[in-house]
Amino acid sequence: MIKNEKVFRYVAIMTVGMLLDIGLYWIAHHYKLPMWMDSVGTAYVAIVLEPAAGLLLAFLTNFIQSAFVYGASSIVYYLVGG
């Protein structure tokens, strides 16, 4: 039972982090702010959980943004340039 609670905690916090990343990216892009606000959620997850969870969230966020925001052709760029 304890392991399931830990998995639920990780999934919940990583979901909040991903929503922060994508939401703050949209705000910065929409209002043309000169800031990189799309890594706040990644930093939050890395601080609250562990750095490996932040790294996983960064890869997931980059993949989702490259597939759905920038277009499928940019996936190769983000996989190589990460």
N, C-alpha and C. Protein backbone atom coordinates (compact mmCIF):
# COMPACT_ATOMS: atom_id res chain seq x y z
N MET A 1 0.82 -1.20 0.00
CA MET A 1 0.00 0.00 0.00
C MET A 1 0.87 1.26 0.00
N ILE A 2 1.99 1.23 0.70
CA ILE A 2 2.85 2.41 0.77
C ILE A 2 3.45 2.71 -0.60
N LYS A 3 3.82 1.68 -1.36
CA LYS A 3 4.39 1.91 -2.68
C LYS A 3 3.38 2.58 -3.61
N ASN A 4 2.12 2.20 -3.52
CA ASN A 4 1.09 2.83 -4.35
C ASN A 4 0.91 4.30 -3.99
N GLU A 5 1.01 4.63 -2.72
CA GLU A 5 0.91 6.03 -2.31
C GLU A 5 2.07 6.85 -2.86
N LYS A 6 3.26 6.25 -2.90
CA LYS A 6 4.42 6.95 -3.43
C LYS A 6 4.26 7.18 -4.94
N VAL A 7 3.77 6.19 -5.66
CA VAL A 7 3.54 6.33 -7.10
C VAL A 7 2.49 7.41 -7.35
N PHE A 8 1.42 7.40 -6.57
CA PHE A 8 0.37 8.42 -6.72
C PHE A 8 0.93 9.81 -6.47
N ARG A 9 1.78 9.95 -5.45
CA ARG A 9 2.39 11.25 -5.13
C ARG A 9 3.26 11.72 -6.29
N TYR A 10 4.08 10.81 -6.85
CA TYR A 10 4.95 11.18 -7.97
C TYR A 10 4.12 11.61 -9.18
N VAL A 11 3.10 10.83 -9.51
CA VAL A 11 2.28 11.15 -10.68
C VAL A 11 1.55 12.48 -10.48
N ALA A 12 1.03 12.71 -9.28
CA ALA A 12 0.30 13.95 -9.02
C ALA A 12 1.22 15.17 -9.12
N ILE A 13 2.39 15.09 -8.51
CA ILE A 13 3.31 16.23 -8.53
C ILE A 13 3.87 16.45 -9.93
N MET A 14 4.14 15.37 -10.67
CA MET A 14 4.65 15.53 -12.03
C MET A 14 3.57 16.09 -12.96
N THR A 15 2.31 15.75 -12.70
CA THR A 15 1.22 16.33 -13.49
C THR A 15 1.11 17.83 -13.25
N VAL A 16 1.21 18.23 -11.99
CA VAL A 16 1.18 19.66 -11.66
C VAL A 16 2.37 20.37 -12.32
N GLY A 17 3.53 19.74 -12.28
CA GLY A 17 4.71 20.33 -12.91
C GLY A 17 4.55 20.48 -14.41
N MET A 18 3.97 19.48 -15.06
CA MET A 18 3.77 19.57 -16.50
C MET A 18 2.75 20.66 -16.85
N LEU A 19 1.69 20.76 -16.06
CA LEU A 19 0.71 21.82 -16.29
C LEU A 19 1.34 23.20 -16.09
N LEU A 20 2.21 23.32 -15.10
CA LEU A 20 2.93 24.58 -14.90
C LEU A 20 3.82 24.90 -16.10
N ASP A 21 4.57 23.91 -16.56
CA ASP A 21 5.46 24.14 -17.71
C ASP A 21 4.69 24.59 -18.94
N ILE A 22 3.65 23.86 -19.29
CA ILE A 22 2.91 24.17 -20.51
C ILE A 22 2.10 25.46 -20.35
N GLY A 23 1.49 25.65 -19.19
CA GLY A 23 0.71 26.86 -18.95
C GLY A 23 1.56 28.12 -18.93
N LEU A 24 2.69 28.06 -18.26
CA LEU A 24 3.56 29.24 -18.21
C LEU A 24 4.24 29.49 -19.55
N TYR A 25 4.50 28.43 -20.31
CA TYR A 25 5.01 28.63 -21.67
C TYR A 25 3.98 29.39 -22.50
N TRP A 26 2.72 28.98 -22.40
CA TRP A 26 1.68 29.62 -23.17
C TRP A 26 1.55 31.10 -22.78
N ILE A 27 1.59 31.39 -21.49
CA ILE A 27 1.48 32.77 -21.04
C ILE A 27 2.65 33.61 -21.56
N ALA A 28 3.86 33.09 -21.44
CA ALA A 28 5.04 33.83 -21.90
C ALA A 28 5.01 34.03 -23.41
N HIS A 29 4.56 33.01 -24.14
CA HIS A 29 4.51 33.12 -25.60
C HIS A 29 3.37 34.05 -26.04
N HIS A 30 2.24 33.94 -25.39
CA HIS A 30 1.08 34.74 -25.77
C HIS A 30 1.31 36.24 -25.53
N TYR A 31 1.90 36.57 -24.39
CA TYR A 31 2.14 37.97 -24.05
C TYR A 31 3.52 38.45 -24.48
N LYS A 32 4.26 37.60 -25.21
CA LYS A 32 5.59 37.92 -25.73
C LYS A 32 6.53 38.42 -24.62
N LEU A 33 6.52 37.69 -23.51
CA LEU A 33 7.39 38.04 -22.40
C LEU A 33 8.80 37.55 -22.68
N PRO A 34 9.81 38.33 -22.33
CA PRO A 34 11.18 37.93 -22.59
C PRO A 34 11.73 37.02 -21.48
N MET A 35 10.99 36.00 -21.14
CA MET A 35 11.40 35.11 -20.05
C MET A 35 11.19 33.66 -20.46
N TRP A 36 11.99 32.79 -19.88
CA TRP A 36 11.80 31.35 -20.04
C TRP A 36 11.05 30.85 -18.83
N MET A 37 9.74 30.93 -18.88
CA MET A 37 8.93 30.52 -17.73
C MET A 37 8.50 29.06 -17.83
N ASP A 38 8.86 28.39 -18.92
CA ASP A 38 8.39 27.03 -19.11
C ASP A 38 9.23 25.98 -18.39
N SER A 39 10.14 26.40 -17.54
CA SER A 39 10.90 25.43 -16.77
C SER A 39 10.64 25.55 -15.27
N VAL A 40 9.66 26.34 -14.89
CA VAL A 40 9.30 26.48 -13.48
C VAL A 40 8.77 25.16 -12.93
N GLY A 41 7.92 24.49 -13.70
CA GLY A 41 7.37 23.20 -13.27
C GLY A 41 8.44 22.14 -13.15
N THR A 42 9.41 22.16 -14.05
CA THR A 42 10.51 21.20 -13.99
C THR A 42 11.34 21.41 -12.73
N ALA A 43 11.63 22.66 -12.41
CA ALA A 43 12.38 22.96 -11.19
C ALA A 43 11.59 22.56 -9.95
N TYR A 44 10.28 22.81 -9.98
CA TYR A 44 9.42 22.44 -8.86
C TYR A 44 9.46 20.93 -8.62
N VAL A 45 9.34 20.15 -9.68
CA VAL A 45 9.37 18.70 -9.54
C VAL A 45 10.73 18.23 -9.06
N ALA A 46 11.80 18.81 -9.59
CA ALA A 46 13.14 18.40 -9.19
C ALA A 46 13.41 18.72 -7.72
N ILE A 47 12.86 19.81 -7.23
CA ILE A 47 13.08 20.18 -5.83
C ILE A 47 12.21 19.34 -4.90
N VAL A 48 10.94 19.16 -5.26
CA VAL A 48 10.01 18.46 -4.38
C VAL A 48 10.26 16.95 -4.38
N LEU A 49 10.50 16.36 -5.55
CA LEU A 49 10.66 14.91 -5.63
C LEU A 49 12.13 14.52 -5.63
N GLU A 50 12.75 14.64 -6.77
CA GLU A 50 14.17 14.33 -6.92
C GLU A 50 14.61 14.82 -8.29
N PRO A 51 15.91 15.03 -8.49
CA PRO A 51 16.38 15.53 -9.79
C PRO A 51 16.04 14.61 -10.96
N ALA A 52 16.02 13.31 -10.75
CA ALA A 52 15.69 12.38 -11.85
C ALA A 52 14.25 12.58 -12.32
N ALA A 53 13.34 12.88 -11.42
CA ALA A 53 11.95 13.15 -11.79
C ALA A 53 11.87 14.45 -12.59
N GLY A 54 12.67 15.44 -12.22
CA GLY A 54 12.71 16.68 -12.99
C GLY A 54 13.25 16.46 -14.39
N LEU A 55 14.25 15.59 -14.52
CA LEU A 55 14.80 15.27 -15.84
C LEU A 55 13.76 14.57 -16.70
N LEU A 56 13.04 13.62 -16.12
CA LEU A 56 11.99 12.92 -16.85
C LEU A 56 10.89 13.89 -17.29
N LEU A 57 10.52 14.79 -16.40
CA LEU A 57 9.50 15.78 -16.76
C LEU A 57 9.99 16.71 -17.86
N ALA A 58 11.25 17.08 -17.84
CA ALA A 58 11.79 17.94 -18.89
C ALA A 58 11.72 17.25 -20.25
N PHE A 59 12.07 15.96 -20.30
CA PHE A 59 11.97 15.22 -21.56
C PHE A 59 10.53 15.12 -22.02
N LEU A 60 9.62 14.82 -21.11
CA LEU A 60 8.21 14.71 -21.49
C LEU A 60 7.64 16.04 -21.98
N THR A 61 7.98 17.11 -21.28
CA THR A 61 7.49 18.43 -21.68
C THR A 61 8.03 18.82 -23.05
N ASN A 62 9.33 18.58 -23.28
CA ASN A 62 9.90 18.90 -24.59
C ASN A 62 9.25 18.08 -25.69
N PHE A 63 8.98 16.80 -25.42
CA PHE A 63 8.34 15.96 -26.43
C PHE A 63 6.93 16.46 -26.74
N ILE A 64 6.16 16.77 -25.71
CA ILE A 64 4.79 17.23 -25.92
C ILE A 64 4.77 18.57 -26.64
N GLN A 65 5.64 19.48 -26.24
CA GLN A 65 5.67 20.78 -26.93
C GLN A 65 6.14 20.64 -28.37
N SER A 66 7.12 19.79 -28.61
CA SER A 66 7.58 19.65 -29.99
C SER A 66 6.56 18.94 -30.86
N ALA A 67 5.78 18.03 -30.30
CA ALA A 67 4.79 17.30 -31.10
C ALA A 67 3.54 18.12 -31.34
N PHE A 68 3.08 18.87 -30.35
CA PHE A 68 1.78 19.52 -30.45
C PHE A 68 1.84 21.03 -30.63
N VAL A 69 2.90 21.67 -30.18
CA VAL A 69 2.99 23.13 -30.30
C VAL A 69 3.77 23.52 -31.55
N TYR A 70 4.96 22.95 -31.71
CA TYR A 70 5.84 23.35 -32.82
C TYR A 70 5.62 22.53 -34.08
N GLY A 71 4.96 21.41 -33.99
CA GLY A 71 4.76 20.54 -35.15
C GLY A 71 5.64 19.31 -35.07
N ALA A 72 5.19 18.26 -35.70
CA ALA A 72 5.88 16.97 -35.62
C ALA A 72 7.28 17.01 -36.21
N SER A 73 7.55 17.92 -37.13
CA SER A 73 8.88 17.97 -37.74
C SER A 73 9.96 18.42 -36.77
N SER A 74 9.59 19.05 -35.68
CA SER A 74 10.59 19.52 -34.72
C SER A 74 10.95 18.47 -33.68
N ILE A 75 10.33 17.30 -33.72
CA ILE A 75 10.65 16.27 -32.73
C ILE A 75 12.11 15.85 -32.86
N VAL A 76 12.61 15.72 -34.07
CA VAL A 76 14.01 15.30 -34.27
C VAL A 76 14.95 16.34 -33.67
N TYR A 77 14.64 17.61 -33.86
CA TYR A 77 15.47 18.67 -33.29
C TYR A 77 15.53 18.57 -31.77
N TYR A 78 14.38 18.37 -31.13
CA TYR A 78 14.35 18.30 -29.67
C TYR A 78 14.95 17.01 -29.14
N LEU A 79 14.90 15.93 -29.90
CA LEU A 79 15.56 14.70 -29.46
C LEU A 79 17.07 14.83 -29.52
N VAL A 80 17.58 15.49 -30.54
CA VAL A 80 19.01 15.65 -30.68
C VAL A 80 19.53 16.79 -29.81
N GLY A 81 18.83 17.93 -29.82
CA GLY A 81 19.29 19.11 -29.09
C GLY A 81 18.92 19.13 -27.64
N GLY A 82 17.85 18.40 -27.28
CA GLY A 82 17.35 18.24 -25.93
C GLY A 82 17.52 19.39 -25.07
